[in-house]
Amino acid sequence: MLGLDVCEFGGQVLELLWLTMCYRGLMADNKDLPIGEEEDERNLNYNPPAQKSLQEIQDLDKDDESLVKYKQTLLGTAPMTVSSGHNVQVTRLILLCDEAPGPIGFDLTGDLDALKWKCFTLKEGVNYRLKIHFKVNREIVAGLRYHHVTTRKGIIVDKASYMVGSYGPRAEEHEFLSPVDEAPKGMISRGQYQVKSRFIDDDKNVYLEWAWCFNIKKDWDE
């Protein structure tokens, strides 16, 4: 018979998995949720589960073969390593568009201030997705979220809030792919847009905030 700690651990893992799936459904239907954390939590009606360290989870019930295999499926088999810096490091943002003449994206490990002035071109009306690369270094992180607010001439024209999910540490980068979105189109929509992005978790840890911009044009090479 499983002990109390095992049941508690299993319940937390199942809760995280269930909430992750629920979040994806909710966010797909509510892509215009405000960027404010308080309003996000009110709409999602969500209370984060109690946090356990990775070491605590790995040490639970080592004699239970089925549970050990289950944890290895979720957390991997590599030994836990200690890295300096943030537990979560956001490394790259890439804009995926089948019609783009070349790759569009930028490195998020360098000078973030420079990104404010390095605008890329996006053809009006094209479909695109955002792909974010990030690493989890030490502990399991619950409820990662990506928010951004888009403005034009100081006026908010779009807000997006996506549930990224819960992840364990590993040497390789994780990837998050946003739902398909459509670029603005029409003569009035052409011009420069500013975006403020933020990567946070359920505990309100802000791992990265950055600003970037793009230009909507009639064609890629205009």
Protein backbone atom coordinates (compact mmCIF):
# COMPACT_ATOMS: atom_id res chain seq x y z
CA MET A 1 0.00 0.00 0.00
CA LEU A 2 1.29 3.47 -0.87
CA GLY A 3 2.13 5.78 2.01
CA LEU A 4 0.61 9.21 2.59
CA ASP A 5 3.56 10.99 0.97
CA VAL A 6 3.18 8.92 -2.19
CA CYS A 7 -0.51 9.69 -2.45
CA GLU A 8 0.17 13.35 -1.86
CA PHE A 9 2.91 13.37 -4.52
CA GLY A 10 0.76 11.50 -7.01
CA GLY A 11 -2.14 13.87 -6.40
CA GLN A 12 0.07 16.90 -6.97
CA VAL A 13 1.49 15.49 -10.20
CA LEU A 14 -1.96 14.57 -11.52
CA GLU A 15 -3.26 17.99 -10.50
CA LEU A 16 -0.43 19.69 -12.38
CA LEU A 17 -1.07 17.58 -15.49
CA TRP A 18 -4.82 18.20 -15.35
CA LEU A 19 -4.39 21.93 -14.77
CA THR A 20 -1.93 22.19 -17.64
CA MET A 21 -4.48 20.68 -20.03
CA CYS A 22 -7.25 22.86 -18.64
CA TYR A 23 -5.11 25.97 -18.95
CA ARG A 24 -4.38 25.27 -22.60
CA GLY A 25 -8.10 24.99 -23.31
CA LEU A 26 -8.96 28.11 -21.34
CA MET A 27 -6.22 30.19 -22.91
CA ALA A 28 -7.18 29.05 -26.40
CA ASP A 29 -10.66 30.47 -25.78
CA ASN A 30 -9.42 33.58 -23.96
CA LYS A 31 -6.42 34.81 -25.93
CA ASP A 32 -7.32 38.44 -25.13
CA LEU A 33 -7.02 38.08 -21.36
CA PRO A 34 -5.42 41.17 -19.77
CA ILE A 35 -1.75 40.97 -18.93
CA GLY A 36 -2.35 41.73 -15.23
CA GLU A 37 -1.63 38.73 -12.98
CA GLU A 38 -4.55 39.44 -10.64
CA GLU A 39 -7.06 39.41 -13.51
CA ASP A 40 -5.53 36.25 -15.01
CA GLU A 41 -5.99 34.40 -11.73
CA ARG A 42 -9.55 35.63 -11.31
CA ASN A 43 -10.52 34.37 -14.78
CA LEU A 44 -8.77 31.04 -14.30
CA ASN A 45 -9.99 30.54 -10.70
CA TYR A 46 -6.74 28.78 -9.91
CA ASN A 47 -4.86 28.13 -6.66
CA PRO A 48 -1.30 26.84 -7.18
CA PRO A 49 -0.46 23.57 -5.37
CA ALA A 50 2.15 23.49 -2.61
CA GLN A 51 5.67 23.48 -4.04
CA LYS A 52 8.02 20.52 -3.53
CA SER A 53 11.70 20.65 -4.43
CA LEU A 54 13.04 18.32 -7.09
CA GLN A 55 15.20 16.57 -4.51
CA GLU A 56 12.18 15.91 -2.27
CA ILE A 57 10.28 14.38 -5.18
CA GLN A 58 13.23 12.23 -6.26
CA ASP A 59 13.72 10.94 -2.69
CA LEU A 60 10.09 9.88 -2.24
CA ASP A 61 9.51 6.09 -2.14
CA LYS A 62 12.62 4.93 -3.95
CA ASP A 63 11.57 1.30 -3.33
CA ASP A 64 8.35 1.66 -5.32
CA GLU A 65 9.36 0.59 -8.84
CA SER A 66 6.21 1.84 -10.59
CA LEU A 67 6.46 5.26 -8.96
CA VAL A 68 10.17 5.53 -9.77
CA LYS A 69 9.44 4.79 -13.44
CA TYR A 70 6.62 7.34 -13.42
CA LYS A 71 8.92 10.01 -11.99
CA GLN A 72 11.58 9.15 -14.57
CA THR A 73 9.00 9.64 -17.32
CA LEU A 74 8.16 13.10 -15.98
CA LEU A 75 11.59 14.23 -14.80
CA GLY A 76 14.06 12.19 -16.85
CA THR A 77 16.80 9.90 -15.66
CA ALA A 78 19.75 12.29 -15.63
CA PRO A 79 21.11 13.27 -12.20
CA MET A 80 20.08 16.64 -10.86
CA THR A 81 22.62 19.40 -11.49
CA VAL A 82 22.94 22.83 -9.90
CA SER A 83 23.14 25.85 -12.21
CA SER A 84 23.69 29.48 -11.36
CA GLY A 85 21.28 32.26 -12.30
CA HIS A 86 17.52 32.07 -12.61
CA ASN A 87 15.79 28.73 -12.34
CA VAL A 88 14.14 29.57 -15.66
CA GLN A 89 16.17 31.17 -18.46
CA VAL A 90 14.37 32.40 -21.57
CA THR A 91 16.84 32.19 -24.44
CA ARG A 92 15.13 32.85 -27.78
CA LEU A 93 11.92 34.05 -29.40
CA ILE A 94 11.24 32.98 -32.97
CA LEU A 95 8.35 34.01 -35.21
CA LEU A 96 7.30 31.10 -37.43
CA CYS A 97 5.66 31.99 -40.73
CA ASP A 98 5.61 29.75 -43.80
CA GLU A 99 5.54 32.77 -46.11
CA ALA A 100 8.54 34.55 -44.58
CA PRO A 101 11.58 34.83 -46.88
CA GLY A 102 13.93 33.98 -44.01
CA PRO A 103 14.08 33.28 -40.26
CA ILE A 104 12.60 35.89 -37.92
CA GLY A 105 13.64 35.98 -34.27
CA PHE A 106 16.09 37.25 -31.71
CA ASP A 107 18.37 36.15 -28.92
CA LEU A 108 17.14 36.93 -25.39
CA THR A 109 20.40 36.28 -23.57
CA GLY A 110 22.17 39.47 -24.69
CA ASP A 111 21.41 43.19 -24.61
CA LEU A 112 17.62 43.38 -24.22
CA ASP A 113 17.57 47.18 -24.55
CA ALA A 114 18.82 46.87 -28.12
CA LEU A 115 15.73 44.84 -29.07
CA LYS A 116 13.52 47.90 -28.58
CA TRP A 117 14.94 49.43 -31.75
CA LYS A 118 15.56 46.33 -33.90
CA CYS A 119 12.22 46.01 -35.68
CA PHE A 120 11.53 43.17 -38.08
CA THR A 121 9.08 43.22 -40.98
CA LEU A 122 5.88 41.21 -41.05
CA LYS A 123 3.72 41.09 -44.17
CA GLU A 124 0.14 42.13 -43.52
CA GLY A 125 -2.45 39.38 -43.10
CA VAL A 126 -0.03 36.43 -42.81
CA ASN A 127 -0.52 33.64 -40.28
CA TYR A 128 2.27 33.15 -37.76
CA ARG A 129 3.11 31.51 -34.42
CA LEU A 130 5.52 32.46 -31.65
CA LYS A 131 8.08 29.89 -30.55
CA ILE A 132 9.85 30.50 -27.24
CA HIS A 133 12.94 28.58 -26.14
CA PHE A 134 13.72 28.36 -22.42
CA LYS A 135 15.65 26.26 -19.92
CA VAL A 136 14.69 25.03 -16.44
CA ASN A 137 17.87 24.68 -14.41
CA ARG A 138 17.22 23.39 -10.89
CA GLU A 139 13.66 22.94 -9.61
CA ILE A 140 10.32 22.02 -11.14
CA VAL A 141 8.49 25.17 -12.13
CA ALA A 142 4.69 25.21 -12.07
CA GLY A 143 2.39 27.25 -14.26
CA LEU A 144 4.77 29.12 -16.55
CA ARG A 145 2.96 31.81 -18.51
CA TYR A 146 3.81 34.12 -21.36
CA HIS A 147 2.14 37.54 -21.60
CA HIS A 148 2.47 40.37 -24.05
CA VAL A 149 0.84 43.71 -24.74
CA THR A 150 1.03 45.28 -28.20
CA THR A 151 0.70 49.02 -28.72
CA ARG A 152 0.72 51.38 -31.67
CA LYS A 153 1.36 55.07 -31.20
CA GLY A 154 0.87 54.56 -27.45
CA ILE A 155 -2.55 52.88 -27.80
CA ILE A 156 -3.06 49.23 -26.77
CA VAL A 157 -4.23 47.23 -29.80
CA ASP A 158 -3.76 43.65 -28.55
CA LYS A 159 -3.17 41.61 -25.38
CA ALA A 160 -2.27 37.95 -25.21
CA SER A 161 -1.77 35.57 -22.29
CA TYR A 162 -0.70 31.95 -22.85
CA MET A 163 -0.30 29.12 -20.37
CA VAL A 164 3.07 27.54 -21.17
CA GLY A 165 2.84 24.73 -18.58
CA SER A 166 4.84 23.05 -15.82
CA TYR A 167 8.35 21.71 -16.45
CA GLY A 168 11.21 19.94 -14.71
CA PRO A 169 14.93 20.73 -15.06
CA ARG A 170 17.01 19.22 -17.85
CA ALA A 171 20.10 20.06 -19.88
CA GLU A 172 18.15 20.60 -23.11
CA GLU A 173 15.95 23.59 -23.82
CA HIS A 174 12.18 23.40 -23.63
CA GLU A 175 10.03 24.93 -26.35
CA PHE A 176 6.63 26.60 -26.29
CA LEU A 177 4.61 27.13 -29.46
CA SER A 178 1.75 29.61 -29.38
CA PRO A 179 -1.56 29.18 -31.24
CA VAL A 180 -1.75 30.53 -34.79
CA ASP A 181 -2.34 34.27 -35.02
CA GLU A 182 -2.95 36.61 -37.95
CA ALA A 183 -1.01 39.80 -38.59
CA PRO A 184 -3.01 43.02 -38.98
CA LYS A 185 -3.96 43.86 -42.56
CA GLY A 186 -5.17 46.83 -44.54
CA MET A 187 -3.70 50.24 -45.27
CA ILE A 188 -4.66 51.65 -41.86
CA SER A 189 -2.94 48.77 -40.06
CA ARG A 190 0.45 49.28 -41.71
CA GLY A 191 3.17 50.79 -39.57
CA GLN A 192 5.25 50.14 -36.48
CA TYR A 193 4.05 48.22 -33.40
CA GLN A 194 5.70 47.94 -29.97
CA VAL A 195 5.41 44.81 -27.82
CA LYS A 196 6.14 44.33 -24.12
CA SER A 197 6.58 40.67 -23.14
CA ARG A 198 6.86 38.90 -19.80
CA PHE A 199 7.59 35.32 -18.71
CA ILE A 200 6.32 34.45 -15.21
CA ASP A 201 5.13 31.50 -13.10
CA ASP A 202 2.40 30.70 -10.57
CA ASP A 203 4.52 32.07 -7.72
CA LYS A 204 4.69 35.43 -9.54
CA ASN A 205 8.40 35.03 -10.23
CA VAL A 206 9.19 37.20 -13.25
CA TYR A 207 11.94 35.43 -15.19
CA LEU A 208 12.22 37.88 -18.05
CA GLU A 209 10.66 41.11 -19.28
CA TRP A 210 11.61 42.62 -22.59
CA ALA A 211 10.35 45.01 -25.27
CA TRP A 212 10.54 44.53 -29.04
CA CYS A 213 8.92 45.89 -32.18
CA PHE A 214 7.81 44.97 -35.68
CA ASN A 215 6.58 46.73 -38.83
CA ILE A 216 3.48 45.67 -40.73
CA LYS A 217 4.05 46.24 -44.45
CA LYS A 218 2.25 45.45 -47.70
CA ASP A 219 5.01 43.03 -48.67
CA TRP A 220 8.10 41.46 -47.10
CA ASP A 221 10.63 43.47 -49.10
CA GLU A 222 8.77 46.77 -49.19
